[in-house]
Amino acid sequence: MTDIERYRIPGALRLRLGLLAACLFVVATNGFVIAGLLPEVAHDLGVTPQTVGVSITAYAIVVAVVAPAASIALARVPRVAVLSAGILLVGLGTVLATAATAFAPFLVGRNVAGVGGAVLVPAATAAAPSVLPPAFRGRALAIAGLGFTLASAVGSPLGTALSSLGSWRLSLGVLAGLAVVLAGAVALLVRRLPEPPRIGLAARFAPLADGRVLLALGAMVLATASFNIVYIYSSAVTAAATGGSGVLLALLLLVYGVAGIAGTMLAGRLTDRRGSAPVALGALLGQVLVLGLLAVGAASYLLDLPVFALWGVTAFAVVVPVQARLVGLEPAAAGIVLSWYSTAMYIGIGLAPVVGGAALASGPTAVPLAGAGPPCSPCWCSRPGCASAARAAPSRPDRAGPPRPCGRIDGR
């Protein structure tokens, strides 16, 4: 058994990582739950579901723009203060959205919450690998990343269930309360986080000059768009199988999310042992195959259950190796690189409603096919020439070697 396999995370560090994961859970659930609440929100606010879908794109654009700007503007603010303020803004924005009686104030509230998410996500993701030794970055990112995974596994289905029991306002109200509680918990319990080094403005944009960074960010745009194209319109994709039942849809989303937990943790361990490229490319290829199966068998609920499980594993297994690679390329500026990661992720989210809505116009089957398209683009990186280069010069995810001509996700 290796040192990596024997390592046990101390309880105090687990608490820090757990609170970071909880913050990410609230932020991610705030985004994911709208997919299940979309028809009810649209009916209550007197708009179409497509209009509410615009709020998802607007939310994503806000986060994509604000995340790198916040990384620059808040560089001298202690990490704990940034984390507390970010999750508090998420709570305040969610309160505004919950109280809205028209679409305009609802959109304002969503965008305020988006600003909070833009402040929090890169700070929390950068703080996670600093909690553990460098050799365990993958595991730290996986634990923190469970917040996003649990948002799908628990947050979104639970939000749909609460909406059925009460209303969409109850679902968002619970999220707002959790955000406020977490703001206090982070301020009191998350102490002595290593502070990022002071970096000038030019250096903050310097990672974008590295082709390896751009390739990883591009892969994340495509992978995130792929997931959200189908997830946002999952009720329409599975309507023939569920008969429009919210309970049956919630069960599918639960299966997806629980499988995503397994995929996240598996990806963390595989990234530490095997490196980022094989894990990321394998997950991308797996997602293409699974979404193809969903397009063929979406009308069968019995087939949808295992397909959603496989989809959860592959969709969430992409995240950890890409994050680990980015941290490994620029370990001294992980917060800055991961702010660009947040931008890439939310660009993918912003593209998804547009692409998914256009595909839905051709029928529900077209949606998973549209979702399968984006991951195909970075999969050219697995061509034989690149594979040979990787075998000739293997690397670890925590090492940032010089740029190579071969366009692998991890620069190999």
Protein backbone atom coordinates (compact mmCIF):
# COMPACT_ATOMS: atom_id res chain seq x y z
CA MET A 1 0.00 0.00 0.00
CA THR A 2 1.40 3.41 -1.00
CA ASP A 3 1.61 6.52 1.18
CA ILE A 4 -1.24 8.05 -0.85
CA GLU A 5 -3.47 5.06 -0.11
CA ARG A 6 -2.57 5.04 3.62
CA TYR A 7 -3.10 8.77 4.18
CA ARG A 8 -6.00 9.66 6.52
CA ILE A 9 -7.22 13.25 6.56
CA PRO A 10 -7.21 14.75 10.11
CA GLY A 11 -10.61 15.68 11.56
CA ALA A 12 -9.95 19.44 11.65
CA LEU A 13 -9.02 19.43 7.97
CA ARG A 14 -12.08 17.34 7.16
CA LEU A 15 -14.23 20.01 8.83
CA ARG A 16 -12.67 22.74 6.68
CA LEU A 17 -13.11 20.75 3.52
CA GLY A 18 -16.66 19.83 4.57
CA LEU A 19 -17.65 23.48 5.01
CA LEU A 20 -16.11 24.35 1.64
CA ALA A 21 -18.11 21.49 0.13
CA ALA A 22 -21.29 22.72 1.85
CA CYS A 23 -20.82 26.21 0.39
CA LEU A 24 -20.33 24.76 -3.07
CA PHE A 25 -23.43 22.59 -2.48
CA VAL A 26 -25.60 25.67 -1.89
CA VAL A 27 -24.18 27.51 -4.91
CA ALA A 28 -24.59 24.51 -7.22
CA THR A 29 -28.06 23.60 -5.94
CA ASN A 30 -29.10 27.20 -6.51
CA GLY A 31 -28.26 26.66 -10.17
CA PHE A 32 -29.34 23.06 -10.66
CA VAL A 33 -32.70 23.25 -8.88
CA ILE A 34 -34.11 25.69 -11.43
CA ALA A 35 -34.31 22.83 -13.95
CA GLY A 36 -36.87 21.03 -11.77
CA LEU A 37 -38.71 24.23 -10.80
CA LEU A 38 -38.76 25.79 -14.27
CA PRO A 39 -42.44 25.13 -15.18
CA GLU A 40 -43.74 26.25 -11.77
CA VAL A 41 -41.61 29.41 -11.67
CA ALA A 42 -42.72 30.31 -15.19
CA HIS A 43 -46.40 29.81 -14.33
CA ASP A 44 -46.16 31.80 -11.09
CA LEU A 45 -44.32 34.73 -12.67
CA GLY A 46 -46.51 34.76 -15.78
CA VAL A 47 -43.78 34.00 -18.31
CA THR A 48 -42.80 31.07 -20.51
CA PRO A 49 -40.35 28.36 -19.43
CA GLN A 50 -38.00 29.60 -22.15
CA THR A 51 -37.98 33.04 -20.49
CA VAL A 52 -37.06 31.50 -17.16
CA GLY A 53 -34.34 29.65 -19.07
CA VAL A 54 -32.93 33.06 -19.95
CA SER A 55 -32.31 33.59 -16.23
CA ILE A 56 -29.99 30.56 -16.28
CA THR A 57 -27.97 32.09 -19.11
CA ALA A 58 -27.92 35.50 -17.40
CA TYR A 59 -26.80 33.90 -14.11
CA ALA A 60 -24.02 32.08 -15.93
CA ILE A 61 -22.84 35.21 -17.75
CA VAL A 62 -22.67 37.13 -14.47
CA VAL A 63 -20.55 34.42 -12.88
CA ALA A 64 -18.31 34.08 -15.96
CA VAL A 65 -17.55 37.81 -15.97
CA VAL A 66 -17.36 38.42 -12.23
CA ALA A 67 -15.25 35.39 -11.22
CA PRO A 68 -11.93 36.61 -12.72
CA ALA A 69 -12.71 40.21 -11.80
CA ALA A 70 -13.36 39.21 -8.19
CA SER A 71 -10.10 37.27 -8.12
CA ILE A 72 -8.28 40.48 -9.05
CA ALA A 73 -10.26 42.91 -6.88
CA LEU A 74 -10.25 40.73 -3.75
CA ALA A 75 -6.65 39.53 -3.93
CA ARG A 76 -5.68 41.29 -0.69
CA VAL A 77 -8.80 40.25 1.22
CA PRO A 78 -8.35 37.22 3.53
CA ARG A 79 -9.72 34.03 2.03
CA VAL A 80 -12.10 33.40 4.94
CA ALA A 81 -13.66 36.84 4.47
CA VAL A 82 -14.07 36.22 0.73
CA LEU A 83 -15.72 32.87 1.36
CA SER A 84 -18.09 34.27 4.00
CA ALA A 85 -19.07 37.28 1.90
CA GLY A 86 -19.58 35.13 -1.19
CA ILE A 87 -21.98 32.67 0.44
CA LEU A 88 -23.81 35.53 2.19
CA LEU A 89 -24.39 37.23 -1.18
CA VAL A 90 -25.76 33.95 -2.52
CA GLY A 91 -28.23 33.94 0.37
CA LEU A 92 -29.30 37.56 -0.10
CA GLY A 93 -29.79 37.12 -3.84
CA THR A 94 -31.84 33.99 -3.27
CA VAL A 95 -34.04 35.88 -0.81
CA LEU A 96 -34.69 38.53 -3.47
CA ALA A 97 -35.57 35.88 -6.05
CA THR A 98 -37.83 34.07 -3.60
CA ALA A 99 -39.77 37.25 -2.80
CA ALA A 100 -40.19 38.24 -6.47
CA THR A 101 -43.70 38.51 -7.93
CA ALA A 102 -42.51 39.33 -11.46
CA PHE A 103 -39.73 38.11 -13.69
CA ALA A 104 -37.59 41.30 -13.53
CA PRO A 105 -36.97 41.23 -9.74
CA PHE A 106 -36.57 37.46 -9.93
CA LEU A 107 -33.81 37.97 -12.50
CA VAL A 108 -32.16 40.63 -10.31
CA GLY A 109 -32.14 38.27 -7.35
CA ARG A 110 -30.68 35.46 -9.42
CA ASN A 111 -27.92 37.74 -10.66
CA VAL A 112 -27.06 38.93 -7.12
CA ALA A 113 -26.76 35.27 -6.14
CA GLY A 114 -24.62 34.79 -9.24
CA VAL A 115 -22.20 37.48 -8.05
CA GLY A 116 -21.92 35.65 -4.73
CA GLY A 117 -21.23 32.38 -6.52
CA ALA A 118 -18.59 34.06 -8.68
CA VAL A 119 -16.82 35.31 -5.55
CA LEU A 120 -17.08 32.02 -3.68
CA VAL A 121 -16.49 29.22 -6.21
CA PRO A 122 -12.89 30.05 -7.27
CA ALA A 123 -11.93 30.96 -3.71
CA ALA A 124 -13.34 27.72 -2.29
CA THR A 125 -11.89 25.59 -5.07
CA ALA A 126 -8.45 27.19 -4.66
CA ALA A 127 -8.58 26.85 -0.87
CA ALA A 128 -9.37 23.12 -1.01
CA PRO A 129 -6.01 21.88 -2.39
CA SER A 130 -4.13 24.20 -0.02
CA VAL A 131 -5.63 22.37 2.97
CA LEU A 132 -3.82 19.08 2.18
CA PRO A 133 -0.24 18.30 1.06
CA PRO A 134 0.42 18.65 -2.70
CA ALA A 135 0.39 14.89 -3.32
CA PHE A 136 -3.27 14.80 -2.24
CA ARG A 137 -4.64 17.64 -4.35
CA GLY A 138 -6.92 15.28 -6.25
CA ARG A 139 -8.50 13.98 -3.04
CA ALA A 140 -8.95 17.48 -1.61
CA LEU A 141 -10.59 18.70 -4.81
CA ALA A 142 -12.80 15.61 -4.88
CA ILE A 143 -14.02 16.20 -1.31
CA ALA A 144 -14.75 19.87 -1.98
CA GLY A 145 -16.26 18.89 -5.34
CA LEU A 146 -18.75 16.67 -3.55
CA GLY A 147 -20.68 19.87 -2.91
CA PHE A 148 -21.42 20.13 -6.62
CA THR A 149 -22.15 16.42 -6.88
CA LEU A 150 -24.48 16.40 -3.87
CA ALA A 151 -26.30 19.34 -5.41
CA SER A 152 -27.38 16.94 -8.14
CA ALA A 153 -27.77 13.91 -5.89
CA VAL A 154 -29.72 15.60 -3.09
CA GLY A 155 -30.19 19.30 -3.71
CA SER A 156 -32.05 19.23 -7.00
CA PRO A 157 -34.35 16.24 -6.22
CA LEU A 158 -35.05 17.60 -2.73
CA GLY A 159 -35.80 21.02 -4.16
CA THR A 160 -38.27 19.45 -6.59
CA ALA A 161 -39.88 17.52 -3.73
CA LEU A 162 -40.17 20.65 -1.55
CA SER A 163 -41.72 22.45 -4.48
CA SER A 164 -44.36 19.72 -4.74
CA LEU A 165 -45.08 19.97 -1.00
CA GLY A 166 -45.18 23.75 -0.91
CA SER A 167 -43.93 25.86 -3.78
CA TRP A 168 -40.75 26.85 -5.59
CA ARG A 169 -40.45 29.66 -3.05
CA LEU A 170 -40.08 27.10 -0.25
CA SER A 171 -37.23 25.42 -2.13
CA LEU A 172 -35.31 28.66 -2.69
CA GLY A 173 -36.12 29.88 0.83
CA VAL A 174 -34.45 26.82 2.36
CA LEU A 175 -31.36 27.48 0.23
CA ALA A 176 -31.26 31.09 1.37
CA GLY A 177 -31.38 29.99 5.01
CA LEU A 178 -28.57 27.49 4.51
CA ALA A 179 -26.44 30.17 2.86
CA VAL A 180 -26.81 32.54 5.82
CA VAL A 181 -25.97 29.78 8.32
CA LEU A 182 -22.90 28.77 6.32
CA ALA A 183 -21.67 32.36 6.15
CA GLY A 184 -21.47 32.39 9.95
CA ALA A 185 -19.99 28.88 10.17
CA VAL A 186 -17.21 29.68 7.70
CA ALA A 187 -16.33 32.90 9.50
CA LEU A 188 -16.10 31.11 12.86
CA LEU A 189 -14.70 27.68 11.99
CA VAL A 190 -12.58 27.99 8.84
CA ARG A 191 -9.39 29.51 10.16
CA ARG A 192 -5.73 29.67 9.16
CA LEU A 193 -6.25 29.01 5.47
CA PRO A 194 -3.03 29.67 3.52
CA GLU A 195 -3.30 33.01 1.75
CA PRO A 196 -2.53 33.16 -1.98
CA PRO A 197 0.62 35.07 -3.03
CA ARG A 198 0.29 38.66 -4.21
CA ILE A 199 0.25 38.67 -8.00
CA GLY A 200 0.15 41.65 -10.39
CA LEU A 201 -2.56 42.28 -12.96
CA ALA A 202 -0.48 41.09 -15.90
CA ALA A 203 0.33 37.85 -14.10
CA ARG A 204 -3.36 37.22 -13.54
CA PHE A 205 -3.92 37.02 -17.27
CA ALA A 206 -0.65 35.18 -17.91
CA PRO A 207 -2.18 31.68 -17.52
CA LEU A 208 -4.28 32.33 -20.63
CA ALA A 209 -1.06 32.49 -22.67
CA ASP A 210 -0.40 28.84 -21.82
CA GLY A 211 -1.93 26.55 -24.43
CA ARG A 212 -2.23 23.77 -21.88
CA VAL A 213 -4.40 25.97 -19.67
CA LEU A 214 -6.57 27.05 -22.60
CA LEU A 215 -7.04 23.43 -23.67
CA ALA A 216 -8.14 22.41 -20.18
CA LEU A 217 -10.50 25.38 -19.94
CA GLY A 218 -11.92 24.61 -23.37
CA ALA A 219 -12.55 21.02 -22.36
CA MET A 220 -14.44 22.28 -19.30
CA VAL A 221 -16.60 24.62 -21.39
CA LEU A 222 -17.61 21.73 -23.63
CA ALA A 223 -18.10 19.20 -20.84
CA THR A 224 -20.23 21.62 -18.80
CA ALA A 225 -22.31 22.60 -21.82
CA SER A 226 -22.86 18.91 -22.59
CA PHE A 227 -24.14 18.15 -19.09
CA ASN A 228 -26.42 21.19 -18.85
CA ILE A 229 -27.89 20.87 -22.35
CA VAL A 230 -29.52 17.66 -21.18
CA TYR A 231 -29.94 18.39 -17.45
CA ILE A 232 -31.83 21.67 -17.91
CA TYR A 233 -34.31 20.01 -20.25
CA SER A 234 -34.34 16.62 -18.50
CA SER A 235 -38.08 16.89 -17.81
CA ALA A 236 -38.75 17.16 -21.56
CA VAL A 237 -36.21 14.48 -22.51
CA THR A 238 -37.74 11.92 -20.13
CA ALA A 239 -41.39 13.01 -20.43
CA ALA A 240 -42.39 9.88 -22.38
CA ALA A 241 -40.83 7.67 -19.71
CA THR A 242 -42.08 9.56 -16.64
CA GLY A 243 -45.47 10.57 -17.98
CA GLY A 244 -44.75 14.04 -16.64
CA SER A 245 -44.44 12.76 -13.05
CA GLY A 246 -42.23 14.99 -10.92
CA VAL A 247 -41.64 12.12 -8.51
CA LEU A 248 -40.29 9.83 -11.24
CA LEU A 249 -38.12 12.64 -12.61
CA ALA A 250 -36.77 13.34 -9.12
CA LEU A 251 -35.85 9.66 -8.78
CA LEU A 252 -33.89 9.79 -12.05
CA LEU A 253 -32.07 12.91 -10.86
CA LEU A 254 -31.36 11.21 -7.54
CA VAL A 255 -29.86 8.19 -9.31
CA TYR A 256 -27.80 10.53 -11.47
CA GLY A 257 -26.49 12.49 -8.49
CA VAL A 258 -25.69 9.49 -6.29
CA ALA A 259 -23.73 7.97 -9.17
CA GLY A 260 -22.01 11.33 -9.56
CA ILE A 261 -20.72 11.07 -5.99
CA ALA A 262 -19.07 7.77 -6.89
CA GLY A 263 -17.69 9.30 -10.09
CA THR A 264 -16.23 12.28 -8.23
CA MET A 265 -14.46 10.20 -5.59
CA LEU A 266 -13.25 7.66 -8.14
CA ALA A 267 -11.88 10.46 -10.30
CA GLY A 268 -10.02 11.94 -7.33
CA ARG A 269 -8.22 8.71 -6.56
CA LEU A 270 -7.52 7.88 -10.21
CA THR A 271 -6.16 11.38 -10.81
CA ASP A 272 -3.71 11.01 -7.91
CA ARG A 273 -2.56 7.61 -9.21
CA ARG A 274 -2.79 7.84 -13.00
CA GLY A 275 -2.66 11.53 -13.90
CA SER A 276 -5.27 13.90 -15.23
CA ALA A 277 -5.35 13.17 -18.98
CA PRO A 278 -6.48 9.50 -18.96
CA VAL A 279 -9.20 10.22 -16.41
CA ALA A 280 -10.54 13.32 -18.19
CA LEU A 281 -10.48 11.78 -21.66
CA GLY A 282 -12.05 8.55 -20.46
CA ALA A 283 -14.87 10.47 -18.76
CA LEU A 284 -15.50 12.62 -21.84
CA LEU A 285 -15.69 9.59 -24.12
CA GLY A 286 -17.95 7.83 -21.63
CA GLN A 287 -20.30 10.81 -21.56
CA VAL A 288 -20.62 10.76 -25.35
CA LEU A 289 -21.57 7.07 -25.31
CA VAL A 290 -24.05 7.45 -22.44
CA LEU A 291 -25.87 10.40 -24.01
CA GLY A 292 -26.12 8.41 -27.23
CA LEU A 293 -27.83 5.64 -25.24
CA LEU A 294 -30.19 8.18 -23.68
CA ALA A 295 -31.20 9.44 -27.12
CA VAL A 296 -32.07 5.90 -28.18
CA GLY A 297 -33.88 4.73 -25.05
CA ALA A 298 -35.25 7.86 -23.34
CA ALA A 299 -38.83 6.62 -23.68
CA SER A 300 -38.13 3.62 -21.41
CA TYR A 301 -37.98 4.38 -17.70
CA LEU A 302 -36.30 1.06 -16.91
CA LEU A 303 -33.52 1.92 -19.37
CA ASP A 304 -33.31 5.51 -18.16
CA LEU A 305 -32.40 4.44 -14.61
CA PRO A 306 -29.06 2.74 -15.45
CA VAL A 307 -28.31 5.30 -18.17
CA PHE A 308 -28.73 8.17 -15.70
CA ALA A 309 -26.44 6.33 -13.28
CA LEU A 310 -23.72 5.94 -15.92
CA TRP A 311 -24.24 9.54 -16.96
CA GLY A 312 -23.68 10.72 -13.39
CA VAL A 313 -20.38 8.83 -13.13
CA THR A 314 -18.99 10.14 -16.41
CA ALA A 315 -20.24 13.72 -16.13
CA PHE A 316 -18.74 14.35 -12.71
CA ALA A 317 -15.57 12.37 -13.31
CA VAL A 318 -14.44 15.09 -15.74
CA VAL A 319 -14.25 17.84 -13.12
CA VAL A 320 -11.53 16.65 -10.73
CA PRO A 321 -8.80 15.84 -13.29
CA VAL A 322 -9.28 19.15 -15.09
CA GLN A 323 -9.11 21.07 -11.81
CA ALA A 324 -6.09 19.07 -10.66
CA ARG A 325 -4.29 19.77 -13.92
CA LEU A 326 -4.95 23.50 -13.68
CA VAL A 327 -3.73 23.62 -10.09
CA GLY A 328 -0.66 21.59 -11.07
CA LEU A 329 0.19 23.92 -13.93
CA GLU A 330 0.04 27.05 -11.75
CA PRO A 331 0.22 25.90 -8.10
CA ALA A 332 1.38 29.31 -6.84
CA ALA A 333 -1.61 31.01 -8.48
CA ALA A 334 -4.28 28.33 -8.11
CA GLY A 335 -6.96 30.87 -7.20
CA ILE A 336 -6.40 32.83 -10.40
CA VAL A 337 -6.30 29.80 -12.65
CA LEU A 338 -9.40 28.37 -11.01
CA SER A 339 -11.22 31.68 -11.41
CA TRP A 340 -10.73 31.15 -15.15
CA TYR A 341 -11.99 27.62 -14.58
CA SER A 342 -15.18 29.09 -13.07
CA THR A 343 -15.48 31.37 -16.08
CA ALA A 344 -15.13 28.42 -18.44
CA MET A 345 -17.65 26.37 -16.49
CA TYR A 346 -20.26 29.12 -16.53
CA ILE A 347 -19.70 29.87 -20.20
CA GLY A 348 -20.69 26.25 -20.74
CA ILE A 349 -23.75 26.72 -18.52
CA GLY A 350 -24.69 29.89 -20.40
CA LEU A 351 -24.47 28.15 -23.77
CA ALA A 352 -26.54 25.16 -22.66
CA PRO A 353 -30.06 26.70 -22.55
CA VAL A 354 -29.58 28.20 -26.01
CA VAL A 355 -28.29 24.98 -27.59
CA GLY A 356 -30.69 22.75 -25.66
CA GLY A 357 -33.69 24.94 -26.46
CA ALA A 358 -32.84 24.91 -30.17
CA ALA A 359 -32.43 21.12 -30.10
CA LEU A 360 -35.72 20.68 -28.23
CA ALA A 361 -37.51 22.38 -31.11
CA SER A 362 -36.62 19.29 -33.17
CA GLY A 363 -37.93 16.92 -30.51
CA PRO A 364 -36.77 15.50 -27.16
CA THR A 365 -34.47 12.94 -28.79
CA ALA A 366 -32.40 15.74 -30.31
CA VAL A 367 -31.45 17.11 -26.87
CA PRO A 368 -29.14 14.27 -25.71
CA LEU A 369 -27.68 14.12 -29.22
CA ALA A 370 -26.88 17.83 -28.95
CA GLY A 371 -25.39 17.17 -25.53
CA ALA A 372 -23.18 14.41 -26.91
CA GLY A 373 -21.65 16.76 -29.46
CA PRO A 374 -19.51 19.09 -27.29
CA PRO A 375 -17.39 16.38 -25.57
CA CYS A 376 -16.44 14.99 -29.00
CA SER A 377 -14.42 18.14 -29.70
CA PRO A 378 -11.69 17.67 -27.06
CA CYS A 379 -11.60 13.92 -27.64
CA TRP A 380 -9.38 14.42 -30.72
CA CYS A 381 -6.66 14.83 -28.11
CA SER A 382 -6.52 11.06 -27.70
CA ARG A 383 -5.20 10.53 -31.21
CA PRO A 384 -2.32 8.02 -31.48
CA GLY A 385 0.40 10.63 -31.89
CA CYS A 386 -0.48 12.25 -28.60
CA ALA A 387 -0.82 8.92 -26.85
CA SER A 388 2.68 8.00 -27.98
CA ALA A 389 4.06 11.29 -26.68
CA ALA A 390 2.38 10.68 -23.34
CA ARG A 391 3.94 7.24 -23.02
CA ALA A 392 7.34 8.62 -23.90
CA ALA A 393 7.12 11.44 -21.35
CA PRO A 394 4.69 10.65 -18.54
CA SER A 395 3.81 13.35 -16.04
CA ARG A 396 2.04 13.71 -12.74
CA PRO A 397 -0.96 16.03 -12.34
CA ASP A 398 0.98 18.14 -9.85
CA ARG A 399 3.88 18.80 -12.20
CA ALA A 400 3.81 21.56 -14.73
CA GLY A 401 6.27 20.72 -17.47
CA PRO A 402 7.06 22.94 -20.45
CA PRO A 403 4.47 23.31 -23.22
CA ARG A 404 4.57 20.54 -25.78
CA PRO A 405 3.29 20.62 -29.35
CA CYS A 406 0.81 17.83 -28.74
CA GLY A 407 -2.58 19.20 -27.65
CA ARG A 408 -3.45 16.94 -24.74
CA ILE A 409 -5.74 18.22 -22.04
CA ASP A 410 -2.90 18.07 -19.57
CA GLY A 411 -0.30 19.34 -22.01
CA ARG A 412 1.38 15.97 -22.63
